[in-house]
Amino acid sequence: MNNKFNISIIGAGVVGLSIAERLSKKYKNIILFDKESTFGQHVSSRNSEVVHSGFYYPQNSLKSKLCIDGNHKMYNFSDKYNIKYKKCGKMIVINNQNEEVELHTIYNNAKKCGLSGLKILNQNEAKEIEERVRCIKALWIPSTGIVDSHGVMSKLENLSILNGVDFAYNYSLNNINLHKGLYELSFNNNELIYSDIVINAAGLWSNNISRMLNLSNYDIQYFKGDYYKSNIRNLNCLIYPVPKKTSLGMHTVLSLNGDVSFGPNYYKVSNVDYSIDNKYETQYLDSFKKILDDNSLKLTPDFSGIRPKIKNNGNFSDFIIKNEKDQGFNNFINLIGIDSPGLTSSLSIAEYVESLINF
């Protein structure tokens, strides 16, 4: 392998792949590293596969701007490359009059963000869309959908390869040093790689990569979420409760094949462990009987995922995407805390990263 590259990208999740594909249209001599044997083995493949609409987040935050733009980009990308998706829309439902003010707040914020087709539905209108929904009112958001995330990642990898990007799987980064304007990356196989630009898209391990250059002011916490598969099929849309401060709440999860799952819950863990059992089954059944009118509902454990959230004492945490030149590391671009809506935002994140390069 050539040991000098213009651009080195760490992490082959959907964000790293999007960056590789985007930059390969403009730059040559790019390599993407991942410690796993193939792409998307962590956050990118352990989520709800929802194409979010971007209205939950404060206006002008990166999450808001990149998600709203990414929503359009993801559908357009999927159309262009024949990737399966379903723009099924979603309902945020309430079953308590006390939540109505909050529902209107979400509606007003979504309008300010430029979303169209929004509507506050009464119970009958909601049941015309999905007869199994349980609600007294619901906010309808037509631009939300689901996408084949593996299909997206596979196409991004393929396009990147066609544009000349090198892929180095099973490469685990041990250390980074800066020598005379070049970054030296050392790996588990004792190989040294030199690069003008390093992009840290390492997801759950992004803060560890950052610390290799003593950029230690990013503190990530792991929050796990479990998904349970149900015995019902073919819901017409996604159904969500009113969001909580920490998450969007446990919601229906739709698959393109018609399967319906529920999740995720939200609890702190200290390490990456994707094991799942049935200990939350009762909690899930109680939660979903509040949004679904189906007495036959049964659940079985399906899979789990882990989100890298920036420690912020319960306040809103935006994506951190920055060129660390002010810290003396020009063209070391950090992406920290890329949790939801990272999948939806990925193509827009890549465009934003491109704008930060100083080459």
Protein backbone atom coordinates (compact mmCIF):
# COMPACT_ATOMS: atom_id res chain seq x y z
CA MET A 1 0.00 0.00 0.00
CA ASN A 2 1.08 3.56 -0.75
CA ASN A 3 1.85 5.14 2.62
CA LYS A 4 1.10 8.79 1.71
CA PHE A 5 -2.42 10.04 1.07
CA ASN A 6 -4.04 13.43 0.59
CA ILE A 7 -7.04 12.50 2.74
CA SER A 8 -7.48 9.77 5.36
CA ILE A 9 -10.96 9.07 6.72
CA ILE A 10 -11.36 7.09 9.96
CA GLY A 11 -14.62 5.15 10.17
CA ALA A 12 -16.69 3.44 7.49
CA GLY A 13 -20.14 4.11 8.84
CA VAL A 14 -22.66 5.92 6.67
CA VAL A 15 -21.05 9.28 7.53
CA GLY A 16 -17.50 8.20 6.65
CA LEU A 17 -18.75 6.57 3.44
CA SER A 18 -20.70 9.71 2.50
CA ILE A 19 -17.60 11.85 3.06
CA ALA A 20 -15.46 9.50 0.96
CA GLU A 21 -17.96 9.55 -1.91
CA ARG A 22 -18.37 13.32 -1.78
CA LEU A 23 -14.67 14.18 -1.58
CA SER A 24 -13.71 11.65 -4.28
CA LYS A 25 -15.51 13.80 -6.83
CA LYS A 26 -13.03 16.61 -6.18
CA TYR A 27 -9.88 15.11 -4.62
CA LYS A 28 -7.61 12.18 -5.45
CA ASN A 29 -5.53 9.88 -3.26
CA ILE A 30 -8.13 9.22 -0.53
CA ILE A 31 -8.20 6.27 1.85
CA LEU A 32 -10.89 5.15 4.29
CA PHE A 33 -9.94 3.02 7.31
CA ASP A 34 -12.15 0.92 9.57
CA LYS A 35 -11.26 -1.53 12.32
CA GLU A 36 -14.04 -3.91 11.25
CA SER A 37 -14.02 -6.29 8.26
CA THR A 38 -16.61 -4.27 6.34
CA PHE A 39 -18.62 -1.04 6.50
CA GLY A 40 -21.40 0.03 8.87
CA GLN A 41 -20.99 -2.49 11.68
CA HIS A 42 -22.08 -0.24 14.54
CA VAL A 43 -24.33 2.86 14.76
CA SER A 44 -25.08 2.90 11.02
CA SER A 45 -26.59 -0.58 10.93
CA ARG A 46 -28.22 -0.62 14.38
CA ASN A 47 -30.93 2.01 14.14
CA SER A 48 -34.50 2.56 12.99
CA GLU A 49 -33.53 3.39 9.35
CA VAL A 50 -35.80 6.44 9.57
CA VAL A 51 -35.39 9.35 7.16
CA HIS A 52 -36.11 12.12 9.66
CA SER A 53 -37.61 15.50 8.78
CA GLY A 54 -35.45 17.66 11.06
CA PHE A 55 -37.96 19.70 13.04
CA TYR A 56 -37.21 18.49 16.59
CA TYR A 57 -33.98 20.44 16.87
CA PRO A 58 -33.33 24.14 17.57
CA GLN A 59 -33.43 26.29 14.45
CA ASN A 60 -30.02 26.88 12.86
CA SER A 61 -28.42 24.02 14.80
CA LEU A 62 -26.35 21.65 12.68
CA LYS A 63 -28.79 18.86 13.47
CA SER A 64 -31.70 20.91 12.16
CA LYS A 65 -30.01 22.28 9.04
CA LEU A 66 -28.21 19.10 8.01
CA CYS A 67 -31.21 16.87 8.69
CA ILE A 68 -33.68 19.01 6.72
CA ASP A 69 -31.26 19.22 3.79
CA GLY A 70 -30.26 15.57 4.22
CA ASN A 71 -33.88 14.44 4.04
CA HIS A 72 -34.14 15.70 0.45
CA LYS A 73 -30.65 14.44 -0.44
CA MET A 74 -31.38 10.93 0.87
CA TYR A 75 -34.57 10.57 -1.17
CA ASN A 76 -32.88 11.98 -4.28
CA PHE A 77 -29.87 9.67 -3.83
CA SER A 78 -32.18 6.69 -3.39
CA ASP A 79 -34.14 7.61 -6.51
CA LYS A 80 -30.97 8.08 -8.56
CA TYR A 81 -29.49 4.70 -7.59
CA ASN A 82 -32.70 2.68 -7.23
CA ILE A 83 -32.31 2.15 -3.47
CA LYS A 84 -35.48 1.02 -1.73
CA TYR A 85 -37.27 3.48 0.52
CA LYS A 86 -40.80 4.36 1.57
CA LYS A 87 -41.89 7.91 2.27
CA CYS A 88 -44.61 6.68 4.60
CA GLY A 89 -44.92 9.78 6.78
CA LYS A 90 -45.24 9.78 10.52
CA MET A 91 -47.69 10.71 13.24
CA ILE A 92 -46.73 12.13 16.62
CA VAL A 93 -49.69 11.14 18.78
CA ILE A 94 -51.16 12.33 22.05
CA ASN A 95 -53.70 10.64 24.30
CA ASN A 96 -53.81 13.32 26.95
CA GLN A 97 -55.16 16.86 26.53
CA ASN A 98 -52.23 18.12 28.63
CA GLU A 99 -49.87 17.26 25.75
CA GLU A 100 -51.77 19.31 23.20
CA VAL A 101 -49.75 22.48 23.84
CA GLU A 102 -46.54 20.53 23.25
CA LEU A 103 -47.93 19.09 20.01
CA HIS A 104 -48.68 22.60 18.73
CA THR A 105 -45.19 23.74 19.77
CA ILE A 106 -43.68 20.95 17.65
CA TYR A 107 -46.02 21.89 14.79
CA ASN A 108 -44.99 25.57 14.95
CA ASN A 109 -41.29 24.71 15.09
CA ALA A 110 -41.67 22.40 12.09
CA LYS A 111 -43.37 25.19 10.13
CA LYS A 112 -40.59 27.63 11.02
CA CYS A 113 -38.09 25.06 9.75
CA GLY A 114 -39.83 25.16 6.37
CA LEU A 115 -41.61 21.81 6.41
CA SER A 116 -44.75 21.54 4.32
CA GLY A 117 -47.82 19.30 4.37
CA LEU A 118 -48.05 19.38 8.16
CA LYS A 119 -51.44 18.89 9.75
CA ILE A 120 -52.92 18.46 13.22
CA LEU A 121 -55.26 15.47 12.89
CA ASN A 122 -58.24 14.58 15.02
CA GLN A 123 -58.81 10.94 15.97
CA ASN A 124 -60.91 10.09 12.89
CA GLU A 125 -58.42 11.72 10.49
CA ALA A 126 -55.55 9.83 12.11
CA LYS A 127 -57.40 6.51 11.80
CA GLU A 128 -58.00 7.16 8.10
CA ILE A 129 -54.22 7.02 7.67
CA GLU A 130 -53.64 4.09 10.05
CA GLU A 131 -56.70 2.48 11.63
CA ARG A 132 -54.66 0.84 14.42
CA VAL A 133 -53.35 4.11 15.85
CA ARG A 134 -54.47 5.10 19.35
CA CYS A 135 -54.73 8.86 19.85
CA ILE A 136 -57.00 11.80 20.51
CA LYS A 137 -54.93 14.00 18.20
CA ALA A 138 -51.81 13.61 16.09
CA LEU A 139 -49.35 15.72 14.15
CA TRP A 140 -48.90 14.42 10.58
CA ILE A 141 -45.47 14.85 8.97
CA PRO A 142 -45.48 13.51 5.39
CA SER A 143 -41.76 13.92 4.63
CA THR A 144 -40.58 11.27 7.13
CA GLY A 145 -39.85 7.80 5.79
CA ILE A 146 -37.65 4.71 5.95
CA VAL A 147 -34.72 3.69 3.75
CA ASP A 148 -32.58 0.63 3.09
CA SER A 149 -29.52 1.91 4.97
CA HIS A 150 -27.38 -1.05 3.92
CA GLY A 151 -28.26 -0.30 0.29
CA VAL A 152 -27.22 3.33 0.81
CA MET A 153 -23.89 2.34 2.37
CA SER A 154 -23.16 -0.29 -0.27
CA LYS A 155 -23.77 2.21 -3.07
CA LEU A 156 -21.61 4.87 -1.36
CA GLU A 157 -18.76 2.36 -1.03
CA ASN A 158 -19.12 1.32 -4.67
CA LEU A 159 -19.18 4.91 -5.96
CA SER A 160 -16.14 5.77 -3.83
CA ILE A 161 -14.19 2.81 -5.21
CA LEU A 162 -15.13 3.78 -8.77
CA ASN A 163 -13.76 7.26 -7.99
CA GLY A 164 -10.45 5.80 -6.80
CA VAL A 165 -10.87 5.72 -3.02
CA ASP A 166 -8.82 3.02 -1.26
CA PHE A 167 -10.52 1.03 1.49
CA ALA A 168 -8.53 -0.48 4.36
CA TYR A 169 -10.69 -2.73 6.53
CA ASN A 170 -9.34 -4.50 9.63
CA TYR A 171 -7.16 -1.44 10.30
CA SER A 172 -7.39 -0.31 13.92
CA LEU A 173 -5.79 3.05 14.64
CA ASN A 174 -3.26 3.06 17.49
CA ASN A 175 -2.00 6.65 17.40
CA ILE A 176 -1.80 9.92 15.46
CA ASN A 177 1.08 12.38 15.44
CA LEU A 178 1.64 15.62 13.54
CA HIS A 179 5.06 15.97 11.89
CA LYS A 180 5.94 18.99 9.73
CA GLY A 181 2.39 19.48 8.51
CA LEU A 182 1.74 15.77 7.89
CA TYR A 183 -0.33 13.48 10.05
CA GLU A 184 1.30 10.15 10.89
CA LEU A 185 -1.22 7.39 11.58
CA SER A 186 -0.01 4.13 13.14
CA PHE A 187 -2.14 1.00 12.98
CA ASN A 188 -2.49 -2.39 14.69
CA ASN A 189 -0.43 -4.06 11.95
CA ASN A 190 2.51 -1.69 12.60
CA GLU A 191 1.85 0.10 9.32
CA LEU A 192 2.44 3.86 9.17
CA ILE A 193 0.33 6.08 6.93
CA TYR A 194 0.98 9.78 6.26
CA SER A 195 -1.79 12.17 5.32
CA ASP A 196 -2.36 15.88 4.67
CA ILE A 197 -5.94 15.70 5.91
CA VAL A 198 -7.49 13.43 8.54
CA ILE A 199 -11.25 13.16 9.01
CA ASN A 200 -12.37 11.54 12.26
CA ALA A 201 -15.72 9.85 11.58
CA ALA A 202 -15.17 7.03 14.08
CA GLY A 203 -18.61 7.20 15.70
CA LEU A 204 -18.58 5.47 19.08
CA TRP A 205 -14.80 5.83 19.26
CA SER A 206 -14.50 9.36 17.81
CA ASN A 207 -13.53 10.95 21.14
CA ASN A 208 -10.76 8.36 21.61
CA ILE A 209 -9.35 9.23 18.17
CA SER A 210 -9.53 12.93 19.08
CA ARG A 211 -7.64 12.31 22.33
CA MET A 212 -4.70 10.91 20.35
CA LEU A 213 -3.91 14.55 19.49
CA ASN A 214 -4.70 15.67 23.05
CA LEU A 215 -7.99 17.14 21.88
CA SER A 216 -9.66 15.90 25.03
CA ASN A 217 -12.49 18.39 25.51
CA TYR A 218 -15.08 16.01 24.04
CA ASP A 219 -16.78 13.63 26.44
CA ILE A 220 -18.97 10.95 24.88
CA GLN A 221 -21.40 8.76 26.78
CA TYR A 222 -22.93 5.55 25.44
CA PHE A 223 -26.70 5.16 25.48
CA LYS A 224 -28.18 1.85 24.46
CA GLY A 225 -31.54 1.23 22.88
CA ASP A 226 -33.28 -2.11 22.39
CA TYR A 227 -35.66 -3.07 19.59
CA TYR A 228 -38.40 -5.67 19.91
CA LYS A 229 -40.10 -7.28 16.91
CA SER A 230 -43.90 -7.53 16.99
CA ASN A 231 -46.45 -9.93 15.54
CA ILE A 232 -48.24 -7.18 13.61
CA ARG A 233 -47.43 -6.13 10.06
CA ASN A 234 -47.87 -3.45 7.46
CA LEU A 235 -48.53 -0.29 9.41
CA ASN A 236 -49.15 2.54 6.95
CA CYS A 237 -46.92 5.05 8.73
CA LEU A 238 -44.50 5.55 11.58
CA ILE A 239 -46.11 6.33 14.94
CA TYR A 240 -44.26 8.28 17.64
CA PRO A 241 -45.18 9.61 21.08
CA VAL A 242 -44.41 13.20 22.05
CA PRO A 243 -40.60 13.34 22.36
CA LYS A 244 -38.72 13.37 25.64
CA LYS A 245 -35.76 15.61 26.48
CA THR A 246 -33.29 12.79 25.97
CA SER A 247 -34.78 10.99 22.96
CA LEU A 248 -37.64 10.87 20.49
CA GLY A 249 -39.33 8.25 22.65
CA MET A 250 -40.08 4.61 21.89
CA HIS A 251 -41.87 4.38 18.55
CA THR A 252 -42.94 1.99 15.84
CA VAL A 253 -40.11 0.84 13.58
CA LEU A 254 -41.11 -0.18 10.07
CA SER A 255 -39.21 -2.45 7.71
CA LEU A 256 -39.52 -2.28 3.95
CA ASN A 257 -40.79 -5.90 4.01
CA GLY A 258 -43.74 -4.95 6.24
CA ASP A 259 -42.34 -6.09 9.60
CA VAL A 260 -43.13 -3.87 12.58
CA SER A 261 -40.80 -3.49 15.56
CA PHE A 262 -40.78 -1.17 18.56
CA GLY A 263 -38.01 0.83 20.14
CA PRO A 264 -35.64 2.08 21.14
CA ASN A 265 -35.60 2.69 24.86
CA TYR A 266 -32.73 4.73 26.26
CA TYR A 267 -30.31 3.80 29.01
CA LYS A 268 -26.67 4.51 29.78
CA VAL A 269 -24.04 1.79 29.34
CA SER A 270 -20.30 1.78 29.90
CA ASN A 271 -19.19 -0.35 26.96
CA VAL A 272 -20.21 -1.59 23.52
CA ASP A 273 -22.36 -4.67 24.08
CA TYR A 274 -25.23 -5.46 21.70
CA SER A 275 -26.73 -8.35 23.68
CA ILE A 276 -30.49 -8.20 24.16
CA ASP A 277 -33.03 -10.17 26.19
CA ASN A 278 -36.69 -9.89 27.14
CA LYS A 279 -36.25 -7.95 30.40
CA TYR A 280 -37.96 -4.85 28.97
CA GLU A 281 -40.88 -6.70 27.37
CA THR A 282 -43.53 -5.54 29.85
CA GLN A 283 -42.32 -1.93 29.66
CA TYR A 284 -42.50 -2.07 25.85
CA LEU A 285 -45.98 -3.60 25.79
CA ASP A 286 -47.25 -0.89 28.14
CA SER A 287 -45.66 1.85 26.02
CA PHE A 288 -47.00 0.63 22.72
CA LYS A 289 -50.51 -0.05 23.88
CA LYS A 290 -50.59 3.71 24.47
CA ILE A 291 -50.03 4.45 20.76
CA LEU A 292 -51.42 1.30 19.09
CA ASP A 293 -54.95 -0.02 19.35
CA ASP A 294 -54.21 -3.74 19.01
CA ASN A 295 -54.92 -6.17 21.85
CA SER A 296 -53.13 -9.05 20.09
CA LEU A 297 -49.72 -7.33 20.34
CA LYS A 298 -46.84 -9.66 21.18
CA LEU A 299 -43.13 -8.81 21.26
CA THR A 300 -39.83 -10.69 21.00
CA PRO A 301 -36.30 -9.27 21.41
CA ASP A 302 -34.79 -8.27 18.06
CA PHE A 303 -31.59 -6.20 18.19
CA SER A 304 -29.95 -3.31 20.00
CA GLY A 305 -27.95 -0.21 19.11
CA ILE A 306 -25.74 2.26 20.93
CA ARG A 307 -25.69 6.04 20.46
CA PRO A 308 -22.61 8.21 21.08
CA LYS A 309 -24.03 11.22 22.90
CA ILE A 310 -22.00 14.21 24.02
CA LYS A 311 -22.13 14.68 27.79
CA ASN A 312 -24.09 17.86 28.40
CA ASN A 313 -26.06 17.49 31.65
CA GLY A 314 -29.33 16.83 29.84
CA ASN A 315 -29.27 19.86 27.56
CA PHE A 316 -29.51 19.73 23.77
CA SER A 317 -26.26 18.52 22.22
CA ASP A 318 -25.61 19.42 18.62
CA PHE A 319 -23.35 17.60 16.20
CA ILE A 320 -19.71 18.71 16.58
CA ILE A 321 -18.16 18.98 13.11
CA LYS A 322 -15.08 21.20 13.01
CA ASN A 323 -11.64 21.73 11.56
CA GLU A 324 -9.34 21.79 14.63
CA LYS A 325 -7.03 24.42 13.12
CA ASP A 326 -7.60 26.74 16.09
CA GLN A 327 -6.08 24.01 18.27
CA GLY A 328 -3.03 23.78 16.01
CA PHE A 329 -4.27 20.87 13.91
CA ASN A 330 -5.26 22.30 10.53
CA ASN A 331 -7.24 19.83 8.42
CA PHE A 332 -7.86 17.45 11.29
CA ILE A 333 -11.64 17.43 11.03
CA ASN A 334 -13.52 16.08 14.02
CA LEU A 335 -17.03 14.63 13.88
CA ILE A 336 -18.11 14.01 17.48
CA GLY A 337 -21.49 12.92 18.84
CA ILE A 338 -23.03 11.99 15.50
CA ASP A 339 -26.11 10.23 16.82
CA SER A 340 -29.63 10.59 15.43
CA PRO A 341 -30.30 12.02 12.83
CA GLY A 342 -26.88 10.97 11.51
CA LEU A 343 -28.22 8.59 8.84
CA THR A 344 -30.61 11.17 7.42
CA SER A 345 -27.98 13.91 7.61
CA SER A 346 -25.07 11.87 6.24
CA LEU A 347 -24.99 13.24 2.68
CA SER A 348 -25.33 16.80 3.97
CA ILE A 349 -22.67 16.19 6.63
CA ALA A 350 -20.31 15.18 3.80
CA GLU A 351 -20.99 18.44 1.98
CA TYR A 352 -20.40 20.39 5.19
CA VAL A 353 -17.12 18.58 5.84
CA GLU A 354 -15.98 19.44 2.33
CA SER A 355 -16.52 23.13 3.13
CA LEU A 356 -14.21 22.86 6.17
CA ILE A 357 -11.18 21.54 4.29
CA ASN A 358 -8.36 24.05 3.97
CA PHE A 359 -6.19 22.50 1.25
